[in-house]
Amino acid sequence: RRGVATGEIALRFHITMAETICATCAQIAQETGLNAVALGGGCFQNRLLLALTVPRLREKGLRVLLHRQVPCNDGGISLGQAAIAHAALEQGGLVD
Protein backbone atom coordinates (compact mmCIF):
# COMPACT_ATOMS: atom_id res chain seq x y z
CA ARG A 1 0.00 0.00 0.00
CA ARG A 2 1.09 3.53 -0.56
CA GLY A 3 2.59 5.17 2.46
CA VAL A 4 3.24 1.92 4.36
CA ALA A 5 6.85 0.87 4.69
CA THR A 6 7.84 -2.40 3.07
CA GLY A 7 9.14 -3.69 6.40
CA GLU A 8 5.78 -3.00 8.05
CA ILE A 9 3.95 -4.88 5.30
CA ALA A 10 6.35 -7.81 5.66
CA LEU A 11 5.91 -7.88 9.45
CA ARG A 12 2.13 -7.82 9.15
CA PHE A 13 2.31 -10.68 6.64
CA HIS A 14 4.40 -12.80 9.02
CA ILE A 15 2.12 -12.03 11.97
CA THR A 16 -0.92 -13.01 9.90
CA MET A 17 0.77 -16.26 8.85
CA ALA A 18 1.69 -17.10 12.46
CA GLU A 19 -1.84 -16.38 13.66
CA THR A 20 -3.34 -18.47 10.86
CA ILE A 21 -1.01 -21.40 11.60
CA CYS A 22 -1.88 -21.21 15.30
CA ALA A 23 -5.62 -20.94 14.74
CA THR A 24 -5.55 -23.93 12.39
CA CYS A 25 -3.47 -26.02 14.79
CA ALA A 26 -5.73 -25.11 17.72
CA GLN A 27 -8.82 -26.11 15.74
CA ILE A 28 -7.27 -29.43 14.72
CA ALA A 29 -6.19 -30.05 18.33
CA GLN A 30 -9.72 -29.40 19.56
CA GLU A 31 -11.24 -31.71 16.94
CA THR A 32 -8.74 -34.55 17.38
CA GLY A 33 -7.49 -34.28 20.94
CA LEU A 34 -3.91 -34.13 19.68
CA ASN A 35 -1.82 -31.41 21.25
CA ALA A 36 1.62 -31.78 19.64
CA VAL A 37 2.57 -29.65 16.64
CA ALA A 38 5.68 -30.47 14.59
CA LEU A 39 7.02 -27.43 12.77
CA GLY A 40 9.02 -28.41 9.72
CA GLY A 41 9.62 -27.52 6.14
CA GLY A 42 11.62 -24.75 4.60
CA CYS A 43 9.20 -22.05 5.76
CA PHE A 44 10.29 -22.65 9.36
CA GLN A 45 13.87 -21.79 8.46
CA ASN A 46 12.44 -18.26 8.53
CA ARG A 47 13.46 -17.15 12.03
CA LEU A 48 10.80 -14.45 12.21
CA LEU A 49 7.96 -16.81 11.33
CA LEU A 50 9.28 -19.35 13.83
CA ALA A 51 9.66 -16.72 16.57
CA LEU A 52 6.11 -15.48 16.01
CA THR A 53 4.55 -18.94 15.78
CA VAL A 54 6.10 -20.91 18.66
CA PRO A 55 4.94 -18.69 21.57
CA ARG A 56 1.44 -18.41 20.11
CA LEU A 57 1.15 -22.20 19.88
CA ARG A 58 2.40 -22.61 23.44
CA GLU A 59 -0.09 -19.97 24.67
CA LYS A 60 -2.82 -22.21 23.25
CA GLY A 61 -1.49 -25.13 25.31
CA LEU A 62 0.07 -26.91 22.35
CA ARG A 63 3.36 -28.79 22.57
CA VAL A 64 5.76 -27.57 19.89
CA LEU A 65 8.20 -30.00 18.29
CA LEU A 66 11.20 -28.49 16.49
CA HIS A 67 14.09 -29.93 14.52
CA ARG A 68 17.44 -30.15 16.30
CA GLN A 69 19.82 -32.47 14.51
CA VAL A 70 18.14 -32.74 11.12
CA PRO A 71 17.38 -29.83 8.79
CA CYS A 72 13.75 -28.82 8.61
CA ASN A 73 13.84 -28.56 4.82
CA ASP A 74 14.19 -31.14 2.03
CA GLY A 75 17.29 -32.62 3.66
CA GLY A 76 15.15 -33.75 6.58
CA ILE A 77 12.51 -35.17 4.27
CA SER A 78 15.18 -37.19 2.45
CA LEU A 79 16.48 -38.56 5.73
CA GLY A 80 12.95 -39.53 6.75
CA GLN A 81 12.38 -41.29 3.44
CA ALA A 82 15.65 -43.18 3.86
CA ALA A 83 14.66 -44.22 7.40
CA ILE A 84 11.29 -45.53 6.19
CA ALA A 85 12.94 -47.42 3.32
CA HIS A 86 15.43 -48.95 5.75
CA ALA A 87 12.66 -50.02 8.12
CA ALA A 88 10.68 -51.52 5.24
CA LEU A 89 13.71 -53.48 4.05
CA GLU A 90 14.34 -54.72 7.58
CA GLN A 91 10.76 -56.03 7.67
CA GLY A 92 11.06 -57.99 4.45
CA GLY A 93 11.09 -55.55 1.58
CA LEU A 94 9.45 -52.58 -0.01
CA VAL A 95 5.85 -52.71 -1.21
CA ASP A 96 4.64 -50.84 -4.29
C-alpha atoms as a PDB file:
ATOM      1  CA  ARG A   1       0.000   0.000   0.000  1.00  0.00           C
ATOM      2  CA  ARG A   2       1.089   3.526  -0.563  1.00  0.00           C
ATOM      3  CA  GLY A   3       2.589   5.173   2.462  1.00  0.00           C
ATOM      4  CA  VAL A   4       3.237   1.921   4.360  1.00  0.00           C
ATOM      5  CA  ALA A   5       6.854   0.874   4.691  1.00  0.00           C
ATOM      6  CA  THR A   6       7.839  -2.399   3.066  1.00  0.00           C
ATOM      7  CA  GLY A   7       9.144  -3.687   6.399  1.00  0.00           C
ATOM      8  CA  GLU A   8       5.784  -3.004   8.051  1.00  0.00           C
ATOM      9  CA  ILE A   9       3.948  -4.878   5.298  1.00  0.00           C
ATOM     10  CA  ALA A  10       6.349  -7.814   5.663  1.00  0.00           C
ATOM     11  CA  LEU A  11       5.913  -7.884   9.451  1.00  0.00           C
ATOM     12  CA  ARG A  12       2.125  -7.820   9.148  1.00  0.00           C
ATOM     13  CA  PHE A  13       2.312 -10.675   6.641  1.00  0.00           C
ATOM     14  CA  HIS A  14       4.397 -12.796   9.022  1.00  0.00           C
ATOM     15  CA  ILE A  15       2.120 -12.030  11.971  1.00  0.00           C
ATOM     16  CA  THR A  16      -0.919 -13.012   9.895  1.00  0.00           C
ATOM     17  CA  MET A  17       0.768 -16.261   8.846  1.00  0.00           C
ATOM     18  CA  ALA A  18       1.692 -17.105  12.456  1.00  0.00           C
ATOM     19  CA  GLU A  19      -1.840 -16.375  13.660  1.00  0.00           C
ATOM     20  CA  THR A  20      -3.338 -18.475  10.858  1.00  0.00           C
ATOM     21  CA  ILE A  21      -1.013 -21.397  11.596  1.00  0.00           C
ATOM     22  CA  CYS A  22      -1.877 -21.214  15.300  1.00  0.00           C
ATOM     23  CA  ALA A  23      -5.621 -20.941  14.741  1.00  0.00           C
ATOM     24  CA  THR A  24      -5.554 -23.927  12.390  1.00  0.00           C
ATOM     25  CA  CYS A  25      -3.474 -26.016  14.790  1.00  0.00           C
ATOM     26  CA  ALA A  26      -5.735 -25.108  17.720  1.00  0.00           C
ATOM     27  CA  GLN A  27      -8.822 -26.107  15.741  1.00  0.00           C
ATOM     28  CA  ILE A  28      -7.267 -29.427  14.721  1.00  0.00           C
ATOM     29  CA  ALA A  29      -6.194 -30.052  18.330  1.00  0.00           C
ATOM     30  CA  GLN A  30      -9.721 -29.397  19.558  1.00  0.00           C
ATOM     31  CA  GLU A  31     -11.237 -31.711  16.945  1.00  0.00           C
ATOM     32  CA  THR A  32      -8.738 -34.551  17.380  1.00  0.00           C
ATOM     33  CA  GLY A  33      -7.489 -34.284  20.940  1.00  0.00           C
ATOM     34  CA  LEU A  34      -3.911 -34.134  19.675  1.00  0.00           C
ATOM     35  CA  ASN A  35      -1.823 -31.409  21.254  1.00  0.00           C
ATOM     36  CA  ALA A  36       1.619 -31.775  19.642  1.00  0.00           C
ATOM     37  CA  VAL A  37       2.574 -29.655  16.642  1.00  0.00           C
ATOM     38  CA  ALA A  38       5.681 -30.469  14.588  1.00  0.00           C
ATOM     39  CA  LEU A  39       7.016 -27.426  12.769  1.00  0.00           C
ATOM     40  CA  GLY A  40       9.023 -28.407   9.722  1.00  0.00           C
ATOM     41  CA  GLY A  41       9.620 -27.521   6.137  1.00  0.00           C
ATOM     42  CA  GLY A  42      11.619 -24.752   4.604  1.00  0.00           C
ATOM     43  CA  CYS A  43       9.204 -22.048   5.763  1.00  0.00           C
ATOM     44  CA  PHE A  44      10.294 -22.648   9.360  1.00  0.00           C
ATOM     45  CA  GLN A  45      13.874 -21.787   8.457  1.00  0.00           C
ATOM     46  CA  ASN A  46      12.442 -18.265   8.532  1.00  0.00           C
ATOM     47  CA  ARG A  47      13.458 -17.146  12.027  1.00  0.00           C
ATOM     48  CA  LEU A  48      10.799 -14.450  12.213  1.00  0.00           C
ATOM     49  CA  LEU A  49       7.962 -16.812  11.328  1.00  0.00           C
ATOM     50  CA  LEU A  50       9.281 -19.350  13.826  1.00  0.00           C
ATOM     51  CA  ALA A  51       9.660 -16.715  16.569  1.00  0.00           C
ATOM     52  CA  LEU A  52       6.112 -15.477  16.008  1.00  0.00           C
ATOM     53  CA  THR A  53       4.549 -18.942  15.784  1.00  0.00           C
ATOM     54  CA  VAL A  54       6.097 -20.909  18.662  1.00  0.00           C
ATOM     55  CA  PRO A  55       4.943 -18.688  21.571  1.00  0.00           C
ATOM     56  CA  ARG A  56       1.444 -18.415  20.112  1.00  0.00           C
ATOM     57  CA  LEU A  57       1.150 -22.197  19.876  1.00  0.00           C
ATOM     58  CA  ARG A  58       2.399 -22.608  23.442  1.00  0.00           C
ATOM     59  CA  GLU A  59      -0.086 -19.974  24.672  1.00  0.00           C
ATOM     60  CA  LYS A  60      -2.817 -22.211  23.254  1.00  0.00           C
ATOM     61  CA  GLY A  61      -1.489 -25.126  25.308  1.00  0.00           C
ATOM     62  CA  LEU A  62       0.065 -26.907  22.351  1.00  0.00           C
ATOM     63  CA  ARG A  63       3.357 -28.787  22.573  1.00  0.00           C
ATOM     64  CA  VAL A  64       5.761 -27.575  19.892  1.00  0.00           C
ATOM     65  CA  LEU A  65       8.205 -30.003  18.292  1.00  0.00           C
ATOM     66  CA  LEU A  66      11.197 -28.485  16.486  1.00  0.00           C
ATOM     67  CA  HIS A  67      14.094 -29.929  14.524  1.00  0.00           C
ATOM     68  CA  ARG A  68      17.437 -30.146  16.300  1.00  0.00           C
ATOM     69  CA  GLN A  69      19.822 -32.471  14.511  1.00  0.00           C
ATOM     70  CA  VAL A  70      18.140 -32.742  11.118  1.00  0.00           C
ATOM     71  CA  PRO A  71      17.383 -29.834   8.794  1.00  0.00           C
ATOM     72  CA  CYS A  72      13.746 -28.819   8.612  1.00  0.00           C
ATOM     73  CA  ASN A  73      13.844 -28.562   4.820  1.00  0.00           C
ATOM     74  CA  ASP A  74      14.191 -31.138   2.033  1.00  0.00           C
ATOM     75  CA  GLY A  75      17.290 -32.622   3.660  1.00  0.00           C
ATOM     76  CA  GLY A  76      15.148 -33.746   6.585  1.00  0.00           C
ATOM     77  CA  ILE A  77      12.507 -35.171   4.265  1.00  0.00           C
ATOM     78  CA  SER A  78      15.180 -37.191   2.450  1.00  0.00           C
ATOM     79  CA  LEU A  79      16.483 -38.558   5.734  1.00  0.00           C
ATOM     80  CA  GLY A  80      12.947 -39.534   6.754  1.00  0.00           C
ATOM     81  CA  GLN A  81      12.382 -41.285   3.440  1.00  0.00           C
ATOM     82  CA  ALA A  82      15.650 -43.180   3.864  1.00  0.00           C
ATOM     83  CA  ALA A  83      14.661 -44.223   7.403  1.00  0.00           C
ATOM     84  CA  ILE A  84      11.288 -45.528   6.191  1.00  0.00           C
ATOM     85  CA  ALA A  85      12.935 -47.418   3.321  1.00  0.00           C
ATOM     86  CA  HIS A  86      15.434 -48.945   5.749  1.00  0.00           C
ATOM     87  CA  ALA A  87      12.657 -50.017   8.124  1.00  0.00           C
ATOM     88  CA  ALA A  88      10.679 -51.523   5.240  1.00  0.00           C
ATOM     89  CA  LEU A  89      13.714 -53.482   4.047  1.00  0.00           C
ATOM     90  CA  GLU A  90      14.342 -54.724   7.584  1.00  0.00           C
ATOM     91  CA  GLN A  91      10.755 -56.030   7.669  1.00  0.00           C
ATOM     92  CA  GLY A  92      11.056 -57.989   4.448  1.00  0.00           C
ATOM     93  CA  GLY A  93      11.095 -55.550   1.584  1.00  0.00           C
ATOM     94  CA  LEU A  94       9.448 -52.580  -0.009  1.00  0.00           C
ATOM     95  CA  VAL A  95       5.848 -52.707  -1.206  1.00  0.00           C
ATOM     96  CA  ASP A  96       4.636 -50.840  -4.288  1.00  0.00           C
END
